Structure formats: structure tokens, C-alpha cells
Protein backbone atom coordinates (compact mmCIF):
# COMPACT_ATOMS: atom_id res chain seq x y z
CA MET A 1 118.89 109.21 89.44
CA MET A 2 115.43 110.64 88.86
CA PHE A 3 112.75 109.72 91.38
CA GLU A 4 109.33 109.09 89.90
CA ASN A 5 106.32 110.78 91.40
CA ARG A 6 103.87 107.91 91.87
CA GLU A 7 100.79 109.86 92.86
CA GLY A 8 97.69 108.03 91.67
CA GLN A 9 99.46 104.65 91.67
CA LYS A 10 99.10 101.70 94.05
CA VAL A 11 101.75 101.02 96.63
CA PRO A 12 103.95 97.96 95.94
CA ASN A 13 102.54 94.56 96.90
CA THR A 14 104.99 93.46 99.56
CA THR A 15 105.22 91.19 102.62
CA PHE A 16 107.11 92.55 105.61
CA HIS A 17 108.67 90.13 108.10
CA VAL A 18 108.00 91.53 111.56
CA ARG A 19 108.97 90.25 114.98
CA ARG A 20 106.30 90.80 117.63
CA GLY A 21 107.27 89.51 121.03
CA TYR A 22 108.65 86.02 120.43
CA GLU A 23 106.82 85.37 117.17
CA TRP A 24 107.37 86.13 113.52
CA VAL A 25 104.44 87.81 111.81
CA ASN A 26 104.10 88.35 108.07
CA VAL A 27 102.50 91.74 107.43
CA ALA A 28 101.14 92.22 103.93
CA THR A 29 100.76 95.55 102.18
CA ASP A 30 96.97 95.21 102.46
CA ASP A 31 97.26 94.80 106.24
CA ILE A 32 98.77 98.27 106.40
CA PHE A 33 96.86 100.14 103.72
CA LYS A 34 93.58 98.50 102.74
CA GLY A 35 90.58 100.62 103.70
CA LYS A 36 92.76 103.08 105.61
CA THR A 37 94.28 106.52 105.25
CA VAL A 38 97.97 106.16 106.07
CA VAL A 39 100.88 108.56 106.23
CA VAL A 40 104.19 106.90 105.38
CA PHE A 41 107.62 108.39 105.86
CA ALA A 42 110.67 106.51 104.66
CA LEU A 43 114.22 107.21 105.70
CA PRO A 44 117.76 105.90 105.20
CA GLY A 45 118.34 104.09 108.46
CA ALA A 46 117.53 103.45 112.09
CA PHE A 47 119.69 105.20 114.69
CA THR A 48 121.14 107.58 112.08
CA PRO A 49 121.47 111.27 113.06
CA THR A 50 118.74 113.15 111.15
CA CYS A 51 116.33 110.24 111.38
CA SER A 52 116.72 110.01 115.16
CA SER A 53 116.99 113.68 116.05
CA THR A 54 114.28 115.13 113.83
CA HIS A 55 112.37 112.92 111.40
CA VAL A 56 110.98 110.33 113.81
CA PRO A 57 110.47 112.58 116.88
CA ARG A 58 108.47 115.20 114.99
CA TYR A 59 106.22 112.64 113.29
CA ASN A 60 105.69 111.00 116.67
CA GLN A 61 104.77 114.38 118.15
CA LEU A 62 102.40 115.36 115.34
CA THR A 63 100.68 111.98 114.89
CA PRO A 64 97.76 112.87 117.22
CA GLU A 65 97.19 116.03 115.15
CA LEU A 66 97.43 114.10 111.88
CA LYS A 67 94.84 111.64 113.18
CA LYS A 68 92.46 114.51 113.92
CA HIS A 69 92.48 115.16 110.18
CA GLY A 70 91.55 111.71 108.95
CA VAL A 71 94.77 109.71 109.21
CA ASP A 72 94.38 106.20 110.61
CA ASP A 73 98.07 105.36 111.03
CA VAL A 74 101.53 106.87 110.60
CA VAL A 75 104.14 104.39 109.37
CA CYS A 76 107.92 104.65 109.44
CA ILE A 77 109.69 102.46 106.86
CA SER A 78 113.41 101.82 106.63
CA VAL A 79 115.66 99.20 105.06
CA ASN A 80 116.54 97.61 108.39
CA ASP A 81 115.61 94.29 109.97
CA THR A 82 112.76 94.02 112.44
CA PHE A 83 115.01 93.66 115.50
CA VAL A 84 116.75 96.94 114.70
CA MET A 85 113.46 98.71 114.00
CA ASN A 86 111.89 97.42 117.22
CA ALA A 87 114.90 98.52 119.27
CA TRP A 88 114.91 101.92 117.58
CA GLN A 89 111.21 102.51 118.24
CA GLN A 90 111.74 101.65 121.90
CA GLU A 91 114.78 103.93 122.16
CA GLN A 92 112.86 106.77 120.51
CA LYS A 93 109.78 106.21 122.70
CA ALA A 94 107.84 106.57 119.44
CA ASP A 95 104.67 104.82 120.57
CA ASN A 96 102.44 106.88 118.28
CA LEU A 97 104.06 105.39 115.17
CA THR A 98 104.07 102.02 113.44
CA PHE A 99 107.60 100.91 112.52
CA ILE A 100 107.84 98.62 109.48
CA PRO A 101 111.09 96.83 108.54
CA ASP A 102 111.80 96.70 104.82
CA GLY A 103 114.75 94.42 105.48
CA ASN A 104 115.28 93.24 101.91
CA GLY A 105 114.41 96.61 100.40
CA ASP A 106 111.52 95.12 98.43
CA PHE A 107 109.06 97.93 99.22
CA SER A 108 111.65 100.64 98.63
CA ARG A 109 112.66 99.02 95.35
CA GLY A 110 109.03 98.79 94.28
CA MET A 111 108.61 102.49 95.05
CA GLY A 112 111.64 103.30 92.92
CA MET A 113 113.28 104.71 96.03
CA LEU A 114 116.05 102.15 96.72
CA VAL A 115 119.41 103.88 96.43
CA GLU A 116 122.95 102.58 96.73
CA LYS A 117 124.89 103.83 99.74
CA SER A 118 127.79 101.38 99.62
CA ASP A 119 130.22 104.29 99.93
CA LEU A 120 128.99 104.60 103.53
CA GLY A 121 128.90 100.85 104.13
CA PHE A 122 125.10 100.89 104.13
CA GLY A 123 124.39 98.94 100.95
CA GLY A 124 120.93 99.58 99.51
CA ARG A 125 118.81 102.05 101.49
CA SER A 126 115.61 104.02 101.01
CA TRP A 127 115.70 107.58 99.75
CA ARG A 128 113.99 109.93 102.16
CA TYR A 129 110.35 110.69 101.25
CA SER A 130 106.83 110.80 102.67
CA MET A 131 103.42 110.05 101.20
CA LEU A 132 99.72 110.06 101.95
CA VAL A 133 98.10 106.76 100.96
CA LYS A 134 94.35 106.19 100.81
CA ASP A 135 93.14 102.60 100.46
CA GLY A 136 96.46 101.61 98.91
CA ILE A 137 96.53 104.47 96.38
CA ILE A 138 99.17 107.18 96.71
CA GLU A 139 97.44 110.55 96.88
CA LYS A 140 100.43 112.78 97.61
CA MET A 141 104.21 112.37 97.72
CA PHE A 142 106.92 114.59 99.16
CA VAL A 143 110.28 113.41 97.83
CA GLU A 144 113.58 114.92 98.88
CA PRO A 145 115.54 116.57 96.05
CA ASP A 146 118.05 114.48 94.15
CA VAL A 147 121.19 116.12 95.47
CA PRO A 148 124.31 114.67 97.14
CA GLY A 149 124.11 113.65 100.77
CA ASP A 150 120.92 113.23 102.78
CA PRO A 151 118.63 116.22 102.09
CA PHE A 152 115.79 116.79 104.53
CA GLU A 153 113.49 119.61 103.51
CA ALA A 154 110.32 118.09 102.03
CA SER A 155 109.36 114.87 103.82
CA ASP A 156 109.01 116.28 107.34
CA ALA A 157 105.91 115.97 109.51
CA ASP A 158 105.09 119.68 109.38
CA THR A 159 104.90 119.61 105.59
CA MET A 160 102.51 116.65 105.71
CA LEU A 161 100.32 118.35 108.33
CA GLN A 162 100.29 121.53 106.25
CA TYR A 163 99.05 119.53 103.26
CA LEU A 164 96.29 117.85 105.26
CA ALA A 165 95.20 120.91 107.25
CA PRO A 166 96.63 124.15 105.80
CA ASN A 167 95.10 126.41 108.44
CA VAL A 168 95.58 124.31 111.57
CA ALA A 169 97.63 125.70 114.44
CA LYS A 170 100.61 123.49 115.12
CA PRO A 171 100.92 121.89 118.57
CA LEU A 172 102.97 123.78 121.11
CA ASP A 173 106.44 122.56 122.09
CA VAL A 174 106.10 122.44 125.88
CA THR A 175 108.59 121.27 128.51
CA LEU A 176 107.98 121.28 132.25
CA PHE A 177 110.88 120.94 134.70
CA THR A 178 109.77 119.21 137.92
CA ARG A 179 111.04 117.17 140.86
CA GLU A 180 109.59 114.22 142.72
CA GLY A 181 107.28 115.11 145.59
CA CYS A 182 106.79 118.74 144.54
CA GLU A 183 103.24 119.91 145.29
CA PHE A 184 103.50 122.90 142.97
CA CYS A 185 104.79 120.68 140.17
CA ALA A 186 101.81 118.36 140.53
CA GLN A 187 99.51 121.38 140.44
CA ALA A 188 101.18 122.68 137.27
CA LYS A 189 100.84 119.30 135.57
CA ASN A 190 97.16 119.15 136.45
CA GLN A 191 96.61 122.63 135.05
CA LEU A 192 98.34 121.75 131.78
CA ASN A 193 96.36 118.52 131.46
CA GLU A 194 93.07 120.29 132.19
CA THR A 195 93.74 122.75 129.36
CA ASN A 196 94.72 119.89 126.99
CA ILE A 197 98.28 121.10 126.57
CA ARG A 198 100.60 118.19 125.82
CA PHE A 199 103.97 118.54 127.51
CA GLU A 200 107.21 116.73 128.16
CA GLU A 201 108.14 116.41 131.81
CA LEU A 202 111.78 116.49 132.90
CA VAL A 203 112.40 115.31 136.47
CA LEU A 204 115.25 116.58 138.64
CA ASN A 205 118.14 114.11 139.15
CA ARG A 206 116.57 111.76 136.60
CA ASP A 207 116.56 113.85 133.44
CA TYR A 208 118.53 116.93 134.46
CA SER A 209 120.62 118.45 137.26
CA GLU A 210 119.99 121.63 139.20
CA ALA A 211 122.95 123.18 137.38
CA SER A 212 121.24 122.49 134.05
CA LEU A 213 118.04 124.12 135.29
CA ARG A 214 119.93 127.23 136.36
CA ALA A 215 121.73 127.29 133.02
CA VAL A 216 118.57 127.32 130.91
CA SER A 217 116.15 129.22 133.17
CA GLY A 218 118.28 131.24 135.56
CA GLN A 219 116.24 129.65 138.39
CA ALA A 220 116.87 126.85 140.86
CA THR A 221 113.25 126.17 141.85
CA VAL A 222 110.59 124.07 140.16
CA PRO A 223 108.27 123.92 138.37
CA GLN A 224 109.68 125.84 135.41
CA LEU A 225 107.76 125.91 132.13
CA PHE A 226 109.06 126.51 128.61
CA VAL A 227 106.76 126.97 125.58
CA ASN A 228 108.09 127.17 122.02
CA GLY A 229 111.52 128.13 123.30
CA LYS A 230 110.19 130.82 125.66
CA HIS A 231 110.68 130.61 129.42
CA ILE A 232 107.26 131.07 131.04
CA GLY A 233 108.42 130.63 134.62
CA ASP A 234 107.30 129.13 137.93
CA SER A 235 103.89 128.02 139.20
CA ASP A 236 102.48 131.56 139.45
CA ALA A 237 103.70 132.40 135.96
CA ILE A 238 102.23 129.14 134.65
CA ALA A 239 98.82 130.00 136.12
CA ASN A 240 98.96 133.48 134.57
CA TYR A 241 100.00 132.04 131.21
CA LEU A 242 97.12 129.57 131.17
CA THR A 243 94.63 132.24 132.24
CA GLY A 244 95.83 134.46 129.41
CA ARG A 245 95.38 131.64 126.90
CA GLU A 246 91.80 131.10 128.08
CA LYS A 247 90.98 134.81 127.71
CA ASN A 248 92.48 134.91 124.20
CA ALA A 249 90.50 131.85 123.18
CA ALA A 250 87.22 133.33 124.47
């Protein structure tokens, strides 16, 4: 099928049935879009491989950067019920995003993006796409190519950020290996926070074993810092790395 580019058109007028706590809440299209700048990314299904490993995590990571460039909210839409979407958001720890259940596929159908995936036992699902919506009007769409399978090359968070801010430096991918009660680890975390570097902390015996640390870093002591796939090293190396960043920024 051919997917229509709907730039310049209004988003479909839809009511989403959302479960918040112990109550049902009807969320209208206007509640999401009216008077706001919203990034939407739609995907085939909660808990599915590409959606869980890449699409949602990267949008969740880049949402603070997107908001620096005028975005009020980043919305994930899928043809799943609200209980599934709520559980998926919790499992993904995707607190930066708003998850919207298009359980009946009404929004996806209105967008011309509802596709049949009965061969996989999925029924009707959304094609993968993203869009920038301003006050209910679609300004820009990134639609995956109409090829077999589940292509993922156009609707990613980096493409959307590049459209909004072509020259912005992308956030660093930073992981800090620590252990409970480690003075040097606490110092490293403070240093990273003071320099406004967002990082993911992995704690010994909770998130990883000592064997895993040795496997990836060649070291058995903590802290150990990795930035964009590069091993920076221990607390002294972290301090030198941060000092070097400050000098380069001056």
C-alpha cells in the first residue's frame, strides 16, 4: 500500500481510552495536541523487539533535548490496550514519554497508517512513523518505506532531532559502573552531575557482576566510566576526562 504524506493536515479527531491508576480517563485528540508542539512516534506493538530495544529507549533518552528545541511532549502511540501500554512504559522506565493506547486502531486508521499483520497473529497494527505536530497540524512526517517486514530507518529519534536542530550536538551515551558504599563512585557521580552529563548508573551485584565488569573494562575496581562506547577508566581518569572537556569548551 502507499502511505500518504499528511503534512499540512490536521491529526485525526479521536478519543483514547486510558487507564490512570484505578480510573478510566477519556483523552481527546485536543487534550494531546491543542496549543502544543508534540512529537509523535507510532510503532507496531508494545514489547516487540525493535520497539523495545531501540525506538522507545532512544526517544526517551532524547526527549530532554527535543524539549530544549520547542517540543512540549513526546508521545508514543501503538495499537495496544491501555493496560499493555502502561505495563510497557513501566518496564521500559520511559518516564520522559507519554504512552497513548490506540486500542481500536482509530487514530492509526485515521492517519492512513493501519496495516494488516494477521500473518503474525497481530491483526491490525500501526505502520512505523513519526511526526511533528503543532497545534494539531502535522508539520513534518517521517514514514518508514513500504517494504516487507518492519523497516526502521526514518522514524527514529535522531532523525527527528536532526530536523528540529540540525547543528545540535547529540547527548553523550554515558554509563558509570559503581558499587554501594563506594566513596570514589559517589565522587564520580557528583562530578558528572556538576558538569551536567547525564549518565546511566550500573550497580555491582544489582545490575552486573564483577566478572561482567572485568569482561568489558579489563578492571575489577569501580568506578569505571564509558562514554560513547569508549572506556574512560577509574576515578582519576574520570577527573582528567572532565577537566579536558572543560578546557575544550573554554
